[in-house]
Protein backbone atom coordinates (compact mmCIF):
# COMPACT_ATOMS: atom_id res chain seq x y z
CA MET A 1 0.83 3.90 39.76
CA SER A 2 -2.97 3.38 39.74
CA GLU A 3 -4.94 3.77 43.08
CA THR A 4 -7.48 0.88 43.88
CA ILE A 5 -10.99 2.66 44.83
CA VAL A 6 -13.04 -1.01 45.46
CA ALA A 7 -10.99 -4.22 46.53
CA ILE A 8 -13.26 -7.14 47.81
CA ASN A 9 -11.13 -10.46 48.50
CA HIS A 10 -12.60 -13.72 48.60
CA LEU A 11 -16.00 -12.77 49.65
CA ASN A 12 -18.63 -15.48 50.30
CA LYS A 13 -22.44 -14.85 50.38
CA LEU A 14 -24.94 -17.04 51.23
CA TYR A 15 -29.03 -16.87 51.63
CA GLY A 16 -30.03 -19.43 53.27
CA GLN A 17 -28.35 -22.74 52.09
CA GLU A 18 -28.14 -20.71 48.55
CA SER A 19 -24.82 -19.26 47.63
CA ALA A 20 -24.98 -15.95 46.01
CA LEU A 21 -21.02 -15.07 45.91
CA ALA A 22 -18.77 -17.38 45.88
CA ASP A 23 -14.91 -16.55 46.62
CA PHE A 24 -15.85 -13.41 45.19
CA SER A 25 -12.79 -10.81 44.38
CA MET A 26 -12.98 -7.42 42.44
CA ASN A 27 -10.38 -4.67 41.97
CA VAL A 28 -12.01 -1.20 40.50
CA GLN A 29 -9.28 1.83 39.86
CA ARG A 30 -9.32 5.06 40.00
CA GLY A 31 -10.77 6.73 36.80
CA ASP A 32 -12.45 3.31 35.61
CA ILE A 33 -15.75 2.91 33.93
CA TYR A 34 -15.97 -0.52 35.10
CA GLY A 35 -18.92 -2.30 33.45
CA PHE A 36 -20.09 -5.45 35.51
CA VAL A 37 -21.51 -7.94 33.77
CA GLY A 38 -23.65 -11.09 34.26
CA GLN A 39 -26.95 -12.74 34.07
CA ASN A 40 -29.94 -11.88 35.88
CA GLY A 41 -29.05 -13.57 39.76
CA SER A 42 -25.45 -14.01 39.39
CA GLY A 43 -24.88 -11.63 42.00
CA LYS A 44 -24.12 -8.23 40.37
CA THR A 45 -26.78 -6.40 42.64
CA THR A 46 -25.45 -8.44 45.97
CA THR A 47 -21.80 -7.35 45.14
CA MET A 48 -22.98 -3.61 44.82
CA LYS A 49 -25.09 -3.59 48.38
CA TYR A 50 -21.96 -5.46 49.78
CA ILE A 51 -19.34 -2.30 48.80
CA LEU A 52 -22.26 -0.20 50.21
CA SER A 53 -23.00 -2.04 53.56
CA LEU A 54 -26.54 -2.92 52.67
CA ILE A 55 -25.58 -6.37 53.25
CA GLU A 56 -22.93 -8.52 55.00
CA GLY A 57 -20.88 -10.97 53.90
CA ASN A 58 -20.12 -14.48 55.54
CA SER A 59 -16.58 -14.41 54.87
CA GLY A 60 -14.14 -12.32 52.82
CA SER A 61 -12.62 -8.84 53.30
CA LEU A 62 -13.10 -5.37 51.79
CA GLU A 63 -10.99 -2.11 51.17
CA LEU A 64 -12.41 1.33 49.84
CA PHE A 65 -9.53 3.57 48.63
CA GLY A 66 -6.89 1.37 50.14
CA LYS A 67 -8.49 1.35 53.70
CA ASN A 68 -10.22 -1.78 56.10
CA THR A 69 -10.84 -1.09 59.12
CA PRO A 70 -14.74 -0.62 60.17
CA ALA A 71 -14.15 3.37 61.10
CA ASP A 72 -12.46 3.66 57.70
CA LEU A 73 -15.15 1.85 55.35
CA ALA A 74 -17.81 3.85 56.93
CA ASN A 75 -15.60 7.02 56.08
CA TYR A 76 -15.27 6.34 52.84
CA ARG A 77 -18.59 5.36 51.97
CA GLU A 78 -19.36 9.28 52.04
CA ARG A 79 -17.28 9.27 48.87
CA ILE A 80 -19.89 7.36 47.24
CA GLY A 81 -22.88 7.94 45.50
CA SER A 82 -25.31 4.84 44.42
CA LEU A 83 -28.41 4.34 42.22
CA ILE A 84 -29.51 0.76 43.41
CA GLU A 85 -33.05 1.20 43.47
CA SER A 86 -34.92 4.23 41.92
CA PRO A 87 -35.44 6.76 44.90
CA SER A 88 -38.72 8.66 45.65
CA PHE A 89 -39.42 11.76 44.18
CA TYR A 90 -42.58 13.66 44.72
CA PRO A 91 -44.86 13.36 41.85
CA TYR A 92 -45.76 17.09 41.95
CA LEU A 93 -42.92 18.61 42.48
CA SER A 94 -40.47 19.77 39.62
CA ALA A 95 -36.71 18.46 39.21
CA HIS A 96 -35.47 21.88 40.97
CA GLU A 97 -37.99 21.54 43.70
CA ASN A 98 -37.48 17.70 44.23
CA LEU A 99 -33.54 17.91 44.28
CA THR A 100 -33.79 21.12 47.14
CA TYR A 101 -35.88 19.20 49.34
CA TYR A 102 -32.93 16.12 49.30
CA ALA A 103 -30.30 18.69 49.86
CA LYS A 104 -31.96 20.00 52.97
CA PHE A 105 -32.61 16.57 53.84
CA LYS A 106 -28.94 15.97 53.68
CA GLY A 107 -28.05 18.85 55.19
CA ILE A 108 -26.03 20.42 51.96
CA THR A 109 -26.38 24.34 52.54
CA ASP A 110 -24.85 25.42 49.27
CA LYS A 111 -27.41 26.93 47.37
CA GLU A 112 -26.01 26.59 44.16
CA ILE A 113 -25.66 23.07 44.34
CA VAL A 114 -29.24 22.18 42.80
CA GLY A 115 -28.61 24.40 39.73
CA GLN A 116 -25.32 23.15 39.30
CA LEU A 117 -26.96 19.43 39.44
CA LEU A 118 -29.51 20.22 37.12
CA GLU A 119 -27.15 21.70 34.37
CA LYS A 120 -24.60 18.37 34.99
CA ILE A 121 -27.85 16.06 34.49
CA GLY A 122 -29.31 18.17 31.42
CA LEU A 123 -32.51 19.07 33.23
CA ASP A 124 -31.80 22.76 33.80
CA ASP A 125 -34.61 23.70 31.23
CA ALA A 126 -37.12 21.33 32.88
CA GLY A 127 -38.56 24.32 34.37
CA ARG A 128 -41.85 23.83 36.42
CA LYS A 129 -42.71 20.57 34.80
CA LYS A 130 -43.68 18.06 37.53
CA PHE A 131 -41.82 14.70 37.90
CA LYS A 132 -45.03 12.53 37.18
CA ASN A 133 -44.78 14.28 34.02
CA PHE A 134 -41.19 13.12 33.15
CA SER A 135 -40.49 10.68 30.71
CA LEU A 136 -38.18 7.19 31.84
CA GLY A 137 -35.05 8.97 30.57
CA MET A 138 -35.85 12.27 32.68
CA LYS A 139 -36.61 10.20 35.58
CA GLN A 140 -33.33 8.63 35.37
CA ARG A 141 -31.25 11.74 35.15
CA LEU A 142 -33.28 13.00 38.22
CA ALA A 143 -32.13 9.92 40.18
CA LEU A 144 -28.55 10.41 38.76
CA GLY A 145 -28.71 14.07 40.28
CA LEU A 146 -29.50 12.60 43.41
CA ALA A 147 -26.89 9.93 43.50
CA ILE A 148 -24.10 12.71 42.82
CA MET A 149 -25.33 15.08 45.21
CA ASN A 150 -22.49 14.74 47.64
CA ASN A 151 -19.80 14.94 44.79
CA PRO A 152 -18.92 11.56 44.65
CA ASP A 153 -15.70 9.93 44.03
CA LEU A 154 -17.04 6.74 43.29
CA LEU A 155 -20.61 6.10 41.40
CA ILE A 156 -22.11 2.90 41.69
CA LEU A 157 -24.87 2.31 39.50
CA ASP A 158 -27.03 -1.03 38.94
CA GLU A 159 -29.06 -1.48 35.66
CA PRO A 160 -29.32 2.53 34.77
CA PHE A 161 -30.46 2.25 31.41
CA ASN A 162 -33.20 -0.19 31.86
CA GLY A 163 -35.98 1.05 29.88
CA LEU A 164 -34.48 3.97 28.39
CA ASP A 165 -35.22 4.53 24.32
CA PRO A 166 -32.18 5.28 22.08
CA GLN A 167 -31.86 9.05 22.66
CA GLY A 168 -32.60 8.31 26.97
CA LEU A 169 -29.50 6.17 26.40
CA ALA A 170 -27.55 8.46 24.84
CA GLU A 171 -28.27 11.44 26.77
CA PHE A 172 -27.42 9.19 29.80
CA ARG A 173 -24.47 8.03 28.32
CA LYS A 174 -23.06 11.63 27.91
CA ILE A 175 -23.33 12.27 31.39
CA LEU A 176 -21.52 9.49 32.80
CA LEU A 177 -18.62 10.04 29.98
CA LYS A 178 -18.55 13.92 31.26
CA LEU A 179 -18.86 12.84 35.21
CA ASN A 180 -15.80 10.32 34.12
CA HIS A 181 -13.99 12.57 32.26
CA GLU A 182 -14.19 16.64 33.51
CA SER A 183 -14.89 15.18 37.56
CA ASN A 184 -12.62 11.75 37.66
CA VAL A 185 -15.60 10.25 38.94
CA THR A 186 -14.75 6.62 38.94
CA ILE A 187 -18.17 4.54 38.17
CA LEU A 188 -18.93 0.86 38.83
CA ILE A 189 -22.22 0.02 36.30
CA SER A 190 -23.85 -3.20 35.93
CA SER A 191 -26.24 -3.56 32.53
CA HIS A 192 -27.94 -6.08 30.92
CA ILE A 193 -27.70 -3.94 27.55
CA LEU A 194 -24.15 -4.85 26.60
CA ASP A 195 -24.07 -2.88 23.41
CA GLU A 196 -24.14 0.25 25.64
CA LEU A 197 -21.76 -0.62 28.24
CA SER A 198 -19.33 -1.38 25.27
CA HIS A 199 -19.37 2.32 24.34
CA ILE A 200 -18.38 3.40 27.87
CA ALA A 201 -16.35 0.70 29.64
CA THR A 202 -12.91 1.14 30.02
CA THR A 203 -12.50 -2.20 32.40
CA TYR A 204 -14.65 -5.15 32.56
CA GLY A 205 -15.81 -7.69 34.99
CA PHE A 206 -17.61 -10.68 34.34
CA ILE A 207 -19.84 -12.50 36.77
CA HIS A 208 -21.32 -15.78 36.37
CA GLN A 209 -22.94 -17.92 39.49
CA GLY A 210 -21.61 -15.51 42.00
CA LYS A 211 -17.78 -16.16 41.00
CA MET A 212 -15.60 -13.70 39.34
CA ILE A 213 -14.45 -15.29 36.25
CA GLU A 214 -12.60 -12.40 34.18
CA GLU A 215 -11.74 -8.80 34.86
CA ILE A 216 -10.10 -7.20 31.63
CA SER A 217 -9.34 -3.78 30.33
CA GLU A 218 -11.03 -2.59 27.27
CA PRO A 219 -7.80 -2.72 24.76
CA ALA A 220 -6.97 -6.12 26.15
CA LEU A 221 -10.77 -6.81 25.36
CA GLN A 222 -10.60 -5.60 21.96
CA LYS A 223 -7.68 -7.63 21.09
CA LYS A 224 -9.06 -10.46 22.24
CA CYS A 225 -12.11 -9.89 20.36
CA GLY A 226 -10.38 -9.01 17.04
CA LYS A 227 -12.36 -5.58 17.19
CA TYR A 228 -11.76 -2.95 13.93
CA LEU A 229 -13.80 -0.59 12.48
CA LEU A 230 -14.07 -1.02 8.36
CA LEU A 231 -14.02 1.81 6.64
CA LYS A 232 -14.96 2.36 3.02
CA VAL A 233 -13.87 5.36 1.47
CA ASP A 234 -13.26 6.82 -2.03
CA ASP A 235 -9.21 6.92 -1.49
CA THR A 236 -7.70 4.79 0.42
CA LYS A 237 -4.06 6.38 0.18
CA LYS A 238 -6.04 10.08 1.47
CA ALA A 239 -7.52 8.31 4.34
CA SER A 240 -4.12 6.59 5.60
CA PHE A 241 -2.57 10.17 5.52
CA VAL A 242 -5.40 11.65 7.61
CA LEU A 243 -5.39 8.64 10.16
CA GLU A 244 -1.55 8.97 10.62
CA GLN A 245 -1.41 13.07 10.71
CA THR A 246 -4.90 13.70 12.46
CA ILE A 247 -5.61 10.78 14.33
CA HIS A 248 -2.38 9.76 15.19
CA THR A 249 -2.41 6.19 14.65
CA GLU A 250 -0.39 3.63 12.14
CA ASN A 251 -2.51 0.51 13.61
CA TYR A 252 -4.50 0.17 10.35
CA GLN A 253 -4.25 -2.52 7.12
CA ILE A 254 -5.07 -1.09 3.87
CA LEU A 255 -7.37 -3.96 2.01
CA ASP A 256 -7.84 -2.45 -1.43
CA ASP A 257 -8.26 0.49 -2.73
CA GLN A 258 -11.63 1.52 -0.85
CA ARG A 259 -11.46 -0.41 2.46
CA ILE A 260 -9.46 -0.10 5.39
CA ARG A 261 -9.35 -1.79 8.61
CA LEU A 262 -8.85 0.06 11.40
CA PHE A 263 -8.16 -1.21 14.90
CA ASP A 264 -7.64 1.82 16.93
CA CYS A 265 -10.54 4.36 17.77
CA ILE A 266 -13.27 1.36 18.22
CA ASN A 267 -15.42 3.35 19.96
CA GLU A 268 -14.84 6.78 18.49
CA SER A 269 -16.21 6.27 15.02
CA GLN A 270 -17.51 9.49 14.79
CA ARG A 271 -14.60 11.08 15.83
CA VAL A 272 -12.60 9.16 12.71
CA ILE A 273 -15.47 10.20 10.37
CA SER A 274 -15.28 14.09 11.08
CA ALA A 275 -11.46 13.77 10.64
CA LEU A 276 -11.74 11.88 7.17
CA VAL A 277 -14.65 13.60 5.90
CA LYS A 278 -12.79 17.30 7.12
CA ASN A 279 -10.02 16.40 5.12
CA GLY A 280 -11.80 15.76 2.03
CA VAL A 281 -12.24 11.77 2.47
CA GLU A 282 -15.52 10.73 1.21
CA VAL A 283 -16.65 7.99 3.50
CA LYS A 284 -18.90 5.68 2.04
CA GLU A 285 -19.55 3.61 4.97
CA VAL A 286 -18.17 2.58 8.42
CA GLU A 287 -18.87 -1.15 10.16
CA ARG A 288 -17.33 -2.05 13.73
CA LYS A 289 -16.29 -5.79 13.28
CA GLY A 290 -15.31 -8.76 15.32
CA LEU A 291 -16.90 -10.59 18.47
CA SER A 292 -19.60 -8.92 20.14
CA LEU A 293 -19.40 -8.12 23.99
CA GLU A 294 -22.42 -10.67 24.44
CA SER A 295 -20.96 -13.26 22.58
CA TYR A 296 -17.29 -13.09 24.10
CA TYR A 297 -19.41 -13.08 27.72
CA LEU A 298 -21.22 -16.27 26.09
CA ASN A 299 -18.09 -17.82 25.57
CA LEU A 300 -16.45 -17.16 29.01
CA THR A 301 -19.99 -18.92 30.77
CA GLU A 302 -20.73 -21.69 28.28
CA GLY A 303 -17.40 -22.58 27.09
CA GLY A 304 -17.55 -21.97 23.51
CA ASN A 305 -21.03 -21.63 21.91
CA GLN A 306 -22.07 -22.63 18.39
CA ASN A 307 -23.95 -19.47 18.12
CA VAL A 308 -21.67 -16.89 18.72
CA LYS A 309 -21.67 -14.23 16.42
CA HIS A 310 -19.48 -12.18 15.12
CA SER A 311 -20.42 -8.64 13.97
């Protein structure tokens, strides 16, 4: 049975007379990469700040790791790392020097931690390069290193992909997946780059005008969106054998002598391609089909949209 890490129940938050969150509820399970989806001003950052006790709600309740007393909440927040706003780093210090400063500031005495963090975030080869000369991707990874310095069970990230180029996105995504898979870090992440979220999220929460309109698992979302991989190969019979024996799925449909619809491994196209090629199947083309995450969100928030796009 899964453990609930974050449970928000019927939260209301007002700024003056304006409602930021209205009867809002959320559940994040251990091991999730929870993609938090919503427009600017929908309440994503407000929710994250509430979890971290940076703001208070007007009504409603919060549980962290199954506990809800003020003392327990304060204690369990020590198991949370966060990146809500970019932290301040010293421009003329290196990545190692900046993290060493923060480790001392936090009272961390483990002399190995900075080197371990730099390896985790892929900055162990940055050497003496000063922070002011870092690319945006390097700066974001250093900020992530600071966020995980306390070895958190839960990591909260607000729009961490903003401004990153394709290489920066790929590097950041790889780090998050490794933290989740190898260190069992539960991740709550918001992003406007919905395509990027679709590569990593295991669960989604869709918020609109301060209200949670749906929480849904990635497999259930794929089913609703009708997602599949369209494979164009030289030999569908041979390809189907590989899918069954190597990928271990029978959830596919042969369309003709060159095309296969694969309804599993939607976000693992590279693994599918590698398995096919390794077993002598020529892969001519791979496309991900179905309703996009963005279009699904627009359908939810607009009650159906004439401009919804299928990829």
